[in-house]
């Protein structure tokens, strides 16, 4: 058995990627909560923060599409969620008026 220390292996990379995923999810959902709170309680328009969430999602999607790692299931699920989000936003706008 080798006594040398292995600096990076597949497990290390996997754990790092999992931590980046959790950090990204925390930031994205935190921004979404801030946008919702400011919108409902302060009646502010937060397109700058919402833009960060949308662009962050687009960057990861484009990167995965470029390297052909997107699955058909993920694409369909993303489209269903986007349609549901658009419908929910449409209903919120008309309920407030």
N, C-alpha and C. Protein backbone atom coordinates (compact mmCIF):
# COMPACT_ATOMS: atom_id res chain seq x y z
N UNK A 1 0.84 -1.17 0.00
CA UNK A 1 0.00 0.00 0.00
C UNK A 1 0.88 1.24 0.00
N UNK A 2 0.44 2.26 -0.71
CA UNK A 2 1.23 3.48 -0.81
C UNK A 2 1.02 4.34 0.44
N UNK A 3 2.08 4.98 0.85
CA UNK A 3 1.99 5.90 1.98
C UNK A 3 1.84 7.34 1.52
N UNK A 4 1.70 7.55 0.23
CA UNK A 4 1.57 8.90 -0.29
C UNK A 4 0.14 9.40 -0.12
N UNK A 5 0.03 10.68 0.12
CA UNK A 5 -1.27 11.31 0.28
C UNK A 5 -1.85 11.63 -1.10
N UNK A 6 -3.09 11.21 -1.34
CA UNK A 6 -3.77 11.51 -2.60
C UNK A 6 -4.50 12.83 -2.42
N UNK A 7 -4.06 13.82 -3.19
CA UNK A 7 -4.62 15.16 -3.04
C UNK A 7 -6.03 15.26 -3.60
N UNK A 8 -6.25 14.76 -4.79
CA UNK A 8 -7.58 14.84 -5.42
C UNK A 8 -7.90 13.52 -6.09
N UNK A 9 -9.10 13.05 -5.85
CA UNK A 9 -9.58 11.85 -6.51
C UNK A 9 -11.04 12.08 -6.89
N UNK A 10 -11.68 11.04 -7.40
CA UNK A 10 -13.06 11.17 -7.86
C UNK A 10 -14.01 11.53 -6.72
N UNK A 11 -13.77 10.98 -5.55
CA UNK A 11 -14.64 11.26 -4.41
C UNK A 11 -14.54 12.72 -4.00
N UNK A 12 -13.33 13.25 -3.99
CA UNK A 12 -13.13 14.65 -3.63
C UNK A 12 -13.85 15.56 -4.61
N UNK A 13 -13.72 15.27 -5.89
CA UNK A 13 -14.39 16.08 -6.91
C UNK A 13 -15.90 15.97 -6.77
N UNK A 14 -16.40 14.78 -6.49
CA UNK A 14 -17.84 14.58 -6.31
C UNK A 14 -18.36 15.38 -5.11
N UNK A 15 -17.63 15.36 -4.01
CA UNK A 15 -18.04 16.10 -2.82
C UNK A 15 -18.01 17.61 -3.10
N UNK A 16 -16.98 18.07 -3.80
CA UNK A 16 -16.89 19.49 -4.15
C UNK A 16 -18.08 19.91 -5.01
N UNK A 17 -18.40 19.11 -6.02
CA UNK A 17 -19.52 19.43 -6.89
C UNK A 17 -20.84 19.45 -6.13
N UNK A 18 -21.01 18.52 -5.19
CA UNK A 18 -22.22 18.49 -4.38
C UNK A 18 -22.31 19.75 -3.52
N UNK A 19 -21.18 20.20 -2.99
CA UNK A 19 -21.20 21.42 -2.17
C UNK A 19 -21.51 22.64 -3.01
N UNK A 20 -20.98 22.70 -4.24
CA UNK A 20 -21.30 23.82 -5.13
C UNK A 20 -22.79 23.83 -5.46
N UNK A 21 -23.36 22.65 -5.66
CA UNK A 21 -24.79 22.54 -5.95
C UNK A 21 -25.61 23.08 -4.79
N UNK A 22 -25.27 22.67 -3.57
CA UNK A 22 -26.01 23.15 -2.40
C UNK A 22 -25.87 24.66 -2.24
N UNK A 23 -24.67 25.19 -2.46
CA UNK A 23 -24.47 26.63 -2.37
C UNK A 23 -25.27 27.38 -3.41
N UNK A 24 -25.30 26.86 -4.63
CA UNK A 24 -26.07 27.48 -5.71
C UNK A 24 -27.56 27.46 -5.38
N UNK A 25 -28.06 26.33 -4.89
CA UNK A 25 -29.48 26.25 -4.52
C UNK A 25 -29.82 27.21 -3.39
N UNK A 26 -28.95 27.31 -2.40
CA UNK A 26 -29.19 28.22 -1.28
C UNK A 26 -29.26 29.67 -1.77
N UNK A 27 -28.31 30.07 -2.60
CA UNK A 27 -28.31 31.43 -3.11
C UNK A 27 -29.53 31.69 -3.98
N UNK A 28 -29.86 30.77 -4.88
CA UNK A 28 -31.00 30.97 -5.79
C UNK A 28 -32.31 31.08 -5.03
N UNK A 29 -32.56 30.15 -4.11
CA UNK A 29 -33.82 30.20 -3.38
C UNK A 29 -33.84 31.35 -2.38
N UNK A 30 -32.68 31.74 -1.85
CA UNK A 30 -32.62 32.92 -1.00
C UNK A 30 -32.99 34.17 -1.76
N UNK A 31 -32.47 34.30 -2.98
CA UNK A 31 -32.84 35.45 -3.81
C UNK A 31 -34.32 35.43 -4.16
N UNK A 32 -34.85 34.24 -4.44
CA UNK A 32 -36.28 34.16 -4.75
C UNK A 32 -37.13 34.58 -3.55
N UNK A 33 -36.73 34.19 -2.36
CA UNK A 33 -37.47 34.60 -1.16
C UNK A 33 -37.39 36.11 -0.94
N UNK A 34 -36.21 36.70 -1.17
CA UNK A 34 -36.06 38.14 -1.04
C UNK A 34 -36.94 38.87 -2.05
N UNK A 35 -36.95 38.38 -3.29
CA UNK A 35 -37.79 38.99 -4.33
C UNK A 35 -39.26 38.91 -3.95
N UNK A 36 -39.70 37.75 -3.49
CA UNK A 36 -41.11 37.59 -3.11
C UNK A 36 -41.46 38.48 -1.92
N UNK A 37 -40.59 38.54 -0.92
CA UNK A 37 -40.86 39.35 0.26
C UNK A 37 -40.96 40.83 -0.10
N UNK A 38 -40.00 41.32 -0.85
CA UNK A 38 -40.02 42.74 -1.25
C UNK A 38 -41.22 43.05 -2.13
N UNK A 39 -41.56 42.11 -2.98
CA UNK A 39 -42.69 42.34 -3.88
C UNK A 39 -44.01 42.40 -3.13
N UNK A 40 -44.24 41.45 -2.23
CA UNK A 40 -45.52 41.39 -1.53
C UNK A 40 -45.65 42.42 -0.42
N UNK A 41 -44.58 42.69 0.32
CA UNK A 41 -44.68 43.57 1.49
C UNK A 41 -44.30 45.02 1.21
N UNK A 42 -43.38 45.24 0.28
CA UNK A 42 -42.94 46.61 -0.01
C UNK A 42 -43.41 47.10 -1.38
N UNK A 43 -44.06 46.25 -2.14
CA UNK A 43 -44.56 46.57 -3.48
C UNK A 43 -43.43 47.07 -4.39
N UNK A 44 -42.25 46.50 -4.26
CA UNK A 44 -41.10 46.87 -5.07
C UNK A 44 -40.95 45.93 -6.25
N UNK A 45 -40.39 46.46 -7.31
CA UNK A 45 -40.05 45.63 -8.46
C UNK A 45 -38.59 45.21 -8.32
N UNK A 46 -38.33 43.93 -8.33
CA UNK A 46 -36.99 43.39 -8.09
C UNK A 46 -36.45 42.64 -9.30
N UNK A 47 -36.51 43.24 -10.46
CA UNK A 47 -36.07 42.53 -11.65
C UNK A 47 -34.57 42.32 -11.68
N UNK A 48 -33.82 43.17 -10.96
CA UNK A 48 -32.38 42.96 -10.92
C UNK A 48 -32.04 41.66 -10.18
N UNK A 49 -32.68 41.42 -9.04
CA UNK A 49 -32.43 40.19 -8.30
C UNK A 49 -33.01 38.98 -9.02
N UNK A 50 -34.19 39.14 -9.59
CA UNK A 50 -34.81 38.04 -10.33
C UNK A 50 -33.97 37.70 -11.56
N UNK A 51 -33.37 38.72 -12.15
CA UNK A 51 -32.48 38.49 -13.30
C UNK A 51 -31.29 37.63 -12.92
N UNK A 52 -30.76 37.83 -11.70
CA UNK A 52 -29.64 37.00 -11.24
C UNK A 52 -30.05 35.53 -11.14
N UNK A 53 -31.23 35.27 -10.65
CA UNK A 53 -31.71 33.89 -10.53
C UNK A 53 -31.89 33.27 -11.92
N UNK A 54 -32.52 34.02 -12.82
CA UNK A 54 -32.79 33.50 -14.17
C UNK A 54 -31.50 33.28 -14.94
N UNK A 55 -30.60 34.26 -14.91
CA UNK A 55 -29.34 34.14 -15.64
C UNK A 55 -28.48 33.02 -15.05
N UNK A 56 -28.49 32.87 -13.72
CA UNK A 56 -27.75 31.77 -13.11
C UNK A 56 -28.24 30.42 -13.60
N UNK A 57 -29.54 30.26 -13.71
CA UNK A 57 -30.09 29.02 -14.25
C UNK A 57 -29.76 28.81 -15.71
N UNK A 58 -29.79 29.90 -16.48
CA UNK A 58 -29.47 29.79 -17.91
C UNK A 58 -28.01 29.43 -18.14
N UNK A 59 -27.13 29.99 -17.33
CA UNK A 59 -25.70 29.70 -17.48
C UNK A 59 -25.43 28.21 -17.28
N UNK A 60 -26.00 27.64 -16.21
CA UNK A 60 -25.77 26.22 -15.96
C UNK A 60 -26.41 25.35 -17.05
N UNK A 61 -27.58 25.75 -17.52
CA UNK A 61 -28.26 24.98 -18.56
C UNK A 61 -27.48 25.03 -19.87
N UNK A 62 -27.01 26.19 -20.26
CA UNK A 62 -26.23 26.32 -21.50
C UNK A 62 -24.92 25.53 -21.39
N UNK A 63 -24.29 25.60 -20.24
CA UNK A 63 -23.04 24.84 -20.04
C UNK A 63 -23.29 23.35 -20.18
N UNK A 64 -24.36 22.85 -19.58
CA UNK A 64 -24.67 21.43 -19.68
C UNK A 64 -25.08 21.05 -21.10
N UNK A 65 -25.79 21.92 -21.78
CA UNK A 65 -26.17 21.64 -23.16
C UNK A 65 -24.94 21.61 -24.07
N UNK A 66 -23.99 22.50 -23.82
CA UNK A 66 -22.77 22.55 -24.62
C UNK A 66 -21.98 21.25 -24.50
N UNK A 67 -21.94 20.69 -23.31
CA UNK A 67 -21.22 19.43 -23.09
C UNK A 67 -22.12 18.21 -23.19
N UNK A 68 -23.35 18.42 -23.67
CA UNK A 68 -24.30 17.34 -23.95
C UNK A 68 -24.56 16.43 -22.75
N UNK A 69 -24.80 17.06 -21.59
CA UNK A 69 -25.11 16.28 -20.39
C UNK A 69 -26.56 16.44 -19.95
N UNK A 70 -27.36 17.18 -20.71
CA UNK A 70 -28.76 17.35 -20.36
C UNK A 70 -29.54 16.09 -20.74
N UNK A 71 -30.38 15.64 -19.84
CA UNK A 71 -31.23 14.49 -20.15
C UNK A 71 -32.58 14.99 -20.66
N UNK A 72 -33.25 14.14 -21.38
CA UNK A 72 -34.57 14.49 -21.91
C UNK A 72 -35.55 14.76 -20.76
N UNK A 73 -35.42 13.99 -19.69
CA UNK A 73 -36.30 14.16 -18.52
C UNK A 73 -36.12 15.54 -17.91
N UNK A 74 -34.87 15.99 -17.80
CA UNK A 74 -34.60 17.30 -17.23
C UNK A 74 -35.16 18.41 -18.11
N UNK A 75 -35.05 18.27 -19.41
CA UNK A 75 -35.58 19.28 -20.33
C UNK A 75 -37.09 19.37 -20.21
N UNK A 76 -37.77 18.23 -20.20
CA UNK A 76 -39.23 18.22 -20.08
C UNK A 76 -39.67 18.78 -18.73
N UNK A 77 -39.00 18.38 -17.68
CA UNK A 77 -39.33 18.88 -16.35
C UNK A 77 -39.12 20.39 -16.25
N UNK A 78 -38.06 20.89 -16.85
CA UNK A 78 -37.80 22.33 -16.85
C UNK A 78 -38.88 23.09 -17.60
N UNK A 79 -39.31 22.56 -18.72
CA UNK A 79 -40.38 23.22 -19.48
C UNK A 79 -41.71 23.22 -18.72
N UNK A 80 -42.02 22.12 -18.06
CA UNK A 80 -43.25 22.06 -17.26
C UNK A 80 -43.20 23.06 -16.11
N UNK A 81 -42.08 23.15 -15.44
CA UNK A 81 -41.93 24.10 -14.33
C UNK A 81 -42.00 25.53 -14.84
N UNK A 82 -41.38 25.81 -15.98
CA UNK A 82 -41.42 27.17 -16.54
C UNK A 82 -42.86 27.55 -16.90
N UNK A 83 -43.61 26.63 -17.48
CA UNK A 83 -45.02 26.91 -17.81
C UNK A 83 -45.84 27.14 -16.55
N UNK A 84 -45.62 26.33 -15.53
CA UNK A 84 -46.33 26.49 -14.27
C UNK A 84 -45.99 27.83 -13.62
N UNK A 85 -44.72 28.21 -13.67
CA UNK A 85 -44.30 29.50 -13.09
C UNK A 85 -44.91 30.66 -13.85
N UNK A 86 -44.97 30.57 -15.19
CA UNK A 86 -45.57 31.64 -15.98
C UNK A 86 -47.07 31.75 -15.68
N UNK A 87 -47.74 30.62 -15.56
CA UNK A 87 -49.16 30.63 -15.23
C UNK A 87 -49.40 31.22 -13.84
N UNK A 88 -48.58 30.86 -12.88
CA UNK A 88 -48.70 31.40 -11.53
C UNK A 88 -48.46 32.91 -11.52
N UNK A 89 -47.44 33.37 -12.23
CA UNK A 89 -47.17 34.81 -12.31
C UNK A 89 -48.32 35.54 -12.98
N UNK A 90 -48.87 34.96 -14.02
CA UNK A 90 -50.01 35.55 -14.72
C UNK A 90 -51.21 35.69 -13.77
N UNK A 91 -51.47 34.65 -12.98
CA UNK A 91 -52.59 34.70 -12.04
C UNK A 91 -52.35 35.72 -10.93
N UNK A 92 -51.12 35.82 -10.44
CA UNK A 92 -50.81 36.79 -9.38
C UNK A 92 -51.01 38.22 -9.87
N UNK A 93 -50.61 38.49 -11.11
CA UNK A 93 -50.76 39.83 -11.66
C UNK A 93 -52.24 40.20 -11.76
N UNK A 94 -53.07 39.29 -12.19
CA UNK A 94 -54.49 39.62 -12.34
C UNK A 94 -55.25 39.61 -11.02
N UNK A 95 -54.76 38.90 -10.03
CA UNK A 95 -55.41 38.93 -8.70
C UNK A 95 -55.13 40.26 -8.02
N UNK A 96 -53.94 40.83 -8.22
CA UNK A 96 -53.59 42.09 -7.58
C UNK A 96 -54.35 43.27 -8.18
N UNK A 97 -54.81 43.17 -9.40
CA UNK A 97 -55.51 44.30 -10.04
C UNK A 97 -56.96 44.34 -9.70
